[in-house]
Amino acid sequence: MKKTIIGITFIAIGTAICLRIITLASELFPTVDVWRGTKLWFAIFGAMDLSNEQSLFLGAPFVLGVILFFLGLLILIVEYFNLPNKVKK
């Protein structure tokens, strides 16, 4: 049960971080004139050689949110498949 709560917490925190950064990036869309790749990708990660353009440069927190989400998902999947072994004992 403890690992299930930890997994749910990681998924919730990762989702909140990623959704907030995507929301901020979508608010920045109208002001971005020059970008490389997609507008969303540029608004979140930016580019060092295009430093005069507006970008959030929130790549590290976004990647941290994605890692937390998938780590929580992995914990829940492992707990789900270990559940029958615990019931038999």
N, C-alpha and C. Protein backbone atom coordinates (compact mmCIF):
# COMPACT_ATOMS: atom_id res chain seq x y z
N MET A 1 0.83 -1.20 0.00
CA MET A 1 0.00 0.00 0.00
C MET A 1 0.87 1.26 0.00
N LYS A 2 1.99 1.20 0.69
CA LYS A 2 2.88 2.35 0.78
C LYS A 2 3.44 2.71 -0.59
N LYS A 3 3.84 1.69 -1.37
CA LYS A 3 4.39 1.93 -2.69
C LYS A 3 3.32 2.47 -3.64
N THR A 4 2.09 2.05 -3.47
CA THR A 4 1.00 2.56 -4.30
C THR A 4 0.81 4.05 -4.07
N ILE A 5 0.85 4.47 -2.84
CA ILE A 5 0.70 5.90 -2.52
C ILE A 5 1.87 6.69 -3.08
N ILE A 6 3.08 6.14 -2.99
CA ILE A 6 4.25 6.81 -3.55
C ILE A 6 4.12 6.93 -5.07
N GLY A 7 3.67 5.87 -5.73
CA GLY A 7 3.49 5.91 -7.17
C GLY A 7 2.45 6.93 -7.60
N ILE A 8 1.33 6.97 -6.90
CA ILE A 8 0.28 7.94 -7.21
C ILE A 8 0.78 9.36 -6.99
N THR A 9 1.55 9.57 -5.94
CA THR A 9 2.11 10.89 -5.66
C THR A 9 3.06 11.33 -6.76
N PHE A 10 3.94 10.43 -7.20
CA PHE A 10 4.87 10.77 -8.28
C PHE A 10 4.12 11.11 -9.56
N ILE A 11 3.10 10.33 -9.89
CA ILE A 11 2.32 10.61 -11.09
C ILE A 11 1.63 11.97 -10.98
N ALA A 12 1.05 12.27 -9.84
CA ALA A 12 0.34 13.54 -9.66
C ALA A 12 1.30 14.73 -9.75
N ILE A 13 2.45 14.63 -9.10
CA ILE A 13 3.42 15.73 -9.13
C ILE A 13 3.98 15.92 -10.54
N GLY A 14 4.32 14.82 -11.20
CA GLY A 14 4.84 14.90 -12.56
C GLY A 14 3.83 15.49 -13.53
N THR A 15 2.58 15.08 -13.39
CA THR A 15 1.52 15.61 -14.24
C THR A 15 1.32 17.10 -13.99
N ALA A 16 1.32 17.51 -12.73
CA ALA A 16 1.12 18.93 -12.40
C ALA A 16 2.25 19.78 -12.97
N ILE A 17 3.48 19.32 -12.85
CA ILE A 17 4.62 20.08 -13.37
C ILE A 17 4.52 20.22 -14.89
N CYS A 18 4.30 19.11 -15.58
CA CYS A 18 4.25 19.14 -17.05
C CYS A 18 3.08 19.97 -17.56
N LEU A 19 1.91 19.81 -16.96
CA LEU A 19 0.75 20.56 -17.43
C LEU A 19 0.90 22.06 -17.20
N ARG A 20 1.50 22.43 -16.09
CA ARG A 20 1.70 23.86 -15.82
C ARG A 20 2.69 24.47 -16.82
N ILE A 21 3.75 23.75 -17.12
CA ILE A 21 4.74 24.27 -18.08
C ILE A 21 4.12 24.34 -19.47
N ILE A 22 3.31 23.36 -19.86
CA ILE A 22 2.65 23.41 -21.16
C ILE A 22 1.65 24.57 -21.21
N THR A 23 0.97 24.82 -20.12
CA THR A 23 0.04 25.96 -20.05
C THR A 23 0.79 27.28 -20.21
N LEU A 24 1.90 27.42 -19.51
CA LEU A 24 2.71 28.63 -19.64
C LEU A 24 3.23 28.80 -21.07
N ALA A 25 3.66 27.71 -21.68
CA ALA A 25 4.17 27.78 -23.05
C ALA A 25 3.06 28.16 -24.03
N SER A 26 1.85 27.67 -23.82
CA SER A 26 0.76 28.03 -24.72
C SER A 26 0.37 29.50 -24.58
N GLU A 27 0.57 30.07 -23.41
CA GLU A 27 0.33 31.50 -23.23
C GLU A 27 1.41 32.34 -23.92
N LEU A 28 2.58 31.75 -24.13
CA LEU A 28 3.69 32.45 -24.77
C LEU A 28 3.63 32.38 -26.29
N PHE A 29 2.80 31.47 -26.83
CA PHE A 29 2.71 31.27 -28.29
C PHE A 29 2.57 32.55 -29.11
N PRO A 30 1.65 33.43 -28.77
CA PRO A 30 1.44 34.60 -29.64
C PRO A 30 2.66 35.52 -29.75
N THR A 31 3.55 35.51 -28.79
CA THR A 31 4.69 36.42 -28.81
C THR A 31 5.92 35.83 -29.48
N VAL A 32 5.91 34.53 -29.78
CA VAL A 32 7.07 33.89 -30.42
C VAL A 32 7.02 34.14 -31.92
N ASP A 33 8.06 34.82 -32.43
CA ASP A 33 8.13 35.12 -33.85
C ASP A 33 9.09 34.20 -34.59
N VAL A 34 10.21 33.88 -33.96
CA VAL A 34 11.23 33.03 -34.58
C VAL A 34 11.42 31.82 -33.68
N TRP A 35 11.40 30.62 -34.27
CA TRP A 35 11.59 29.41 -33.49
C TRP A 35 12.24 28.35 -34.34
N ARG A 36 12.72 27.32 -33.67
CA ARG A 36 13.31 26.16 -34.34
C ARG A 36 12.56 24.94 -33.84
N GLY A 37 12.14 24.07 -34.74
CA GLY A 37 11.32 22.92 -34.36
C GLY A 37 9.87 23.35 -34.26
N THR A 38 9.15 22.81 -33.29
CA THR A 38 7.77 23.23 -33.08
C THR A 38 7.74 24.42 -32.13
N LYS A 39 6.67 25.18 -32.20
CA LYS A 39 6.56 26.34 -31.31
C LYS A 39 6.52 25.91 -29.84
N LEU A 40 5.80 24.83 -29.56
CA LEU A 40 5.71 24.36 -28.17
C LEU A 40 7.07 23.95 -27.64
N TRP A 41 7.80 23.18 -28.43
CA TRP A 41 9.13 22.74 -28.03
C TRP A 41 10.04 23.93 -27.79
N PHE A 42 10.00 24.91 -28.69
CA PHE A 42 10.86 26.09 -28.54
C PHE A 42 10.44 26.92 -27.34
N ALA A 43 9.13 27.05 -27.10
CA ALA A 43 8.66 27.85 -25.97
C ALA A 43 9.08 27.23 -24.64
N ILE A 44 9.17 25.90 -24.58
CA ILE A 44 9.56 25.24 -23.34
C ILE A 44 11.08 25.19 -23.19
N PHE A 45 11.78 24.68 -24.22
CA PHE A 45 13.21 24.44 -24.11
C PHE A 45 14.06 25.61 -24.59
N GLY A 46 13.64 26.32 -25.62
CA GLY A 46 14.41 27.43 -26.15
C GLY A 46 15.60 26.96 -26.96
N ALA A 47 16.44 27.90 -27.35
CA ALA A 47 17.67 27.59 -28.08
C ALA A 47 18.71 28.62 -27.65
N MET A 48 19.91 28.15 -27.37
CA MET A 48 20.95 29.04 -26.88
C MET A 48 21.42 30.03 -27.95
N ASP A 49 21.43 29.62 -29.21
CA ASP A 49 21.90 30.54 -30.25
C ASP A 49 20.82 31.54 -30.66
N LEU A 50 19.59 31.33 -30.24
CA LEU A 50 18.51 32.28 -30.48
C LEU A 50 18.11 32.94 -29.16
N SER A 51 19.08 33.41 -28.41
CA SER A 51 18.81 33.90 -27.05
C SER A 51 18.02 35.21 -27.05
N ASN A 52 17.96 35.93 -28.17
CA ASN A 52 17.21 37.18 -28.20
C ASN A 52 15.70 36.93 -28.28
N GLU A 53 15.32 35.74 -28.68
CA GLU A 53 13.90 35.41 -28.79
C GLU A 53 13.34 34.99 -27.44
N GLN A 54 12.02 35.13 -27.30
CA GLN A 54 11.38 34.80 -26.03
C GLN A 54 11.17 33.30 -25.91
N SER A 55 11.58 32.76 -24.79
CA SER A 55 11.37 31.36 -24.47
C SER A 55 11.37 31.21 -22.96
N LEU A 56 10.76 30.15 -22.48
CA LEU A 56 10.69 29.93 -21.03
C LEU A 56 11.96 29.32 -20.47
N PHE A 57 12.69 28.56 -21.28
CA PHE A 57 13.87 27.82 -20.84
C PHE A 57 13.57 26.99 -19.60
N LEU A 58 12.47 26.25 -19.63
CA LEU A 58 12.06 25.38 -18.53
C LEU A 58 12.21 23.91 -18.92
N GLY A 59 13.25 23.61 -19.64
CA GLY A 59 13.47 22.24 -20.10
C GLY A 59 13.76 21.27 -18.97
N ALA A 60 14.61 21.68 -18.03
CA ALA A 60 14.99 20.79 -16.92
C ALA A 60 13.79 20.43 -16.03
N PRO A 61 12.97 21.39 -15.61
CA PRO A 61 11.80 21.02 -14.82
C PRO A 61 10.79 20.17 -15.60
N PHE A 62 10.67 20.44 -16.91
CA PHE A 62 9.76 19.65 -17.73
C PHE A 62 10.23 18.20 -17.80
N VAL A 63 11.52 18.00 -18.02
CA VAL A 63 12.07 16.63 -18.06
C VAL A 63 11.93 15.97 -16.70
N LEU A 64 12.13 16.71 -15.62
CA LEU A 64 11.94 16.16 -14.27
C LEU A 64 10.49 15.71 -14.07
N GLY A 65 9.54 16.50 -14.55
CA GLY A 65 8.13 16.11 -14.46
C GLY A 65 7.81 14.85 -15.24
N VAL A 66 8.40 14.73 -16.43
CA VAL A 66 8.19 13.52 -17.23
C VAL A 66 8.79 12.31 -16.54
N ILE A 67 9.98 12.48 -15.97
CA ILE A 67 10.64 11.37 -15.26
C ILE A 67 9.81 10.95 -14.05
N LEU A 68 9.31 11.91 -13.28
CA LEU A 68 8.48 11.58 -12.12
C LEU A 68 7.22 10.84 -12.54
N PHE A 69 6.60 11.29 -13.64
CA PHE A 69 5.39 10.63 -14.11
C PHE A 69 5.67 9.17 -14.46
N PHE A 70 6.70 8.92 -15.25
CA PHE A 70 6.99 7.55 -15.67
C PHE A 70 7.53 6.69 -14.52
N LEU A 71 8.23 7.29 -13.57
CA LEU A 71 8.68 6.55 -12.40
C LEU A 71 7.49 6.11 -11.55
N GLY A 72 6.52 7.01 -11.37
CA GLY A 72 5.31 6.64 -10.64
C GLY A 72 4.50 5.58 -11.36
N LEU A 73 4.43 5.69 -12.68
CA LEU A 73 3.74 4.68 -13.47
C LEU A 73 4.43 3.32 -13.35
N LEU A 74 5.74 3.33 -13.39
CA LEU A 74 6.51 2.09 -13.23
C LEU A 74 6.28 1.46 -11.86
N ILE A 75 6.27 2.28 -10.82
CA ILE A 75 6.02 1.78 -9.46
C ILE A 75 4.63 1.14 -9.39
N LEU A 76 3.63 1.79 -9.97
CA LEU A 76 2.28 1.23 -9.93
C LEU A 76 2.16 -0.05 -10.73
N ILE A 77 2.84 -0.13 -11.86
CA ILE A 77 2.79 -1.35 -12.67
C ILE A 77 3.45 -2.50 -11.92
N VAL A 78 4.60 -2.25 -11.30
CA VAL A 78 5.28 -3.30 -10.53
C VAL A 78 4.42 -3.75 -9.36
N GLU A 79 3.78 -2.82 -8.68
CA GLU A 79 2.90 -3.17 -7.57
C GLU A 79 1.68 -3.97 -8.05
N TYR A 80 1.17 -3.62 -9.21
CA TYR A 80 0.01 -4.34 -9.74
C TYR A 80 0.36 -5.79 -10.04
N PHE A 81 1.51 -6.02 -10.64
CA PHE A 81 1.89 -7.38 -10.99
C PHE A 81 2.42 -8.18 -9.81
N ASN A 82 2.82 -7.54 -8.73
CA ASN A 82 3.24 -8.24 -7.52
C ASN A 82 2.07 -8.50 -6.57
N LEU A 83 0.92 -7.92 -6.82
CA LEU A 83 -0.24 -8.08 -5.95
C LEU A 83 -0.69 -9.53 -5.83
N PRO A 84 -0.80 -10.32 -6.92
CA PRO A 84 -1.23 -11.71 -6.74
C PRO A 84 -0.26 -12.53 -5.90
N ASN A 85 1.03 -12.24 -5.95
CA ASN A 85 2.01 -12.96 -5.14
C ASN A 85 1.80 -12.68 -3.65
N LYS A 86 1.41 -11.47 -3.31
CA LYS A 86 1.18 -11.13 -1.92
C LYS A 86 -0.09 -11.78 -1.38
N VAL A 87 -1.10 -11.93 -2.22
CA VAL A 87 -2.37 -12.50 -1.79
C VAL A 87 -2.22 -14.01 -1.53
N LYS A 88 -1.41 -14.71 -2.31
CA LYS A 88 -1.24 -16.14 -2.15
C LYS A 88 -0.50 -16.51 -0.87
N LYS A 89 0.34 -15.65 -0.37
CA LYS A 89 1.16 -15.98 0.80
C LYS A 89 0.39 -15.95 2.07
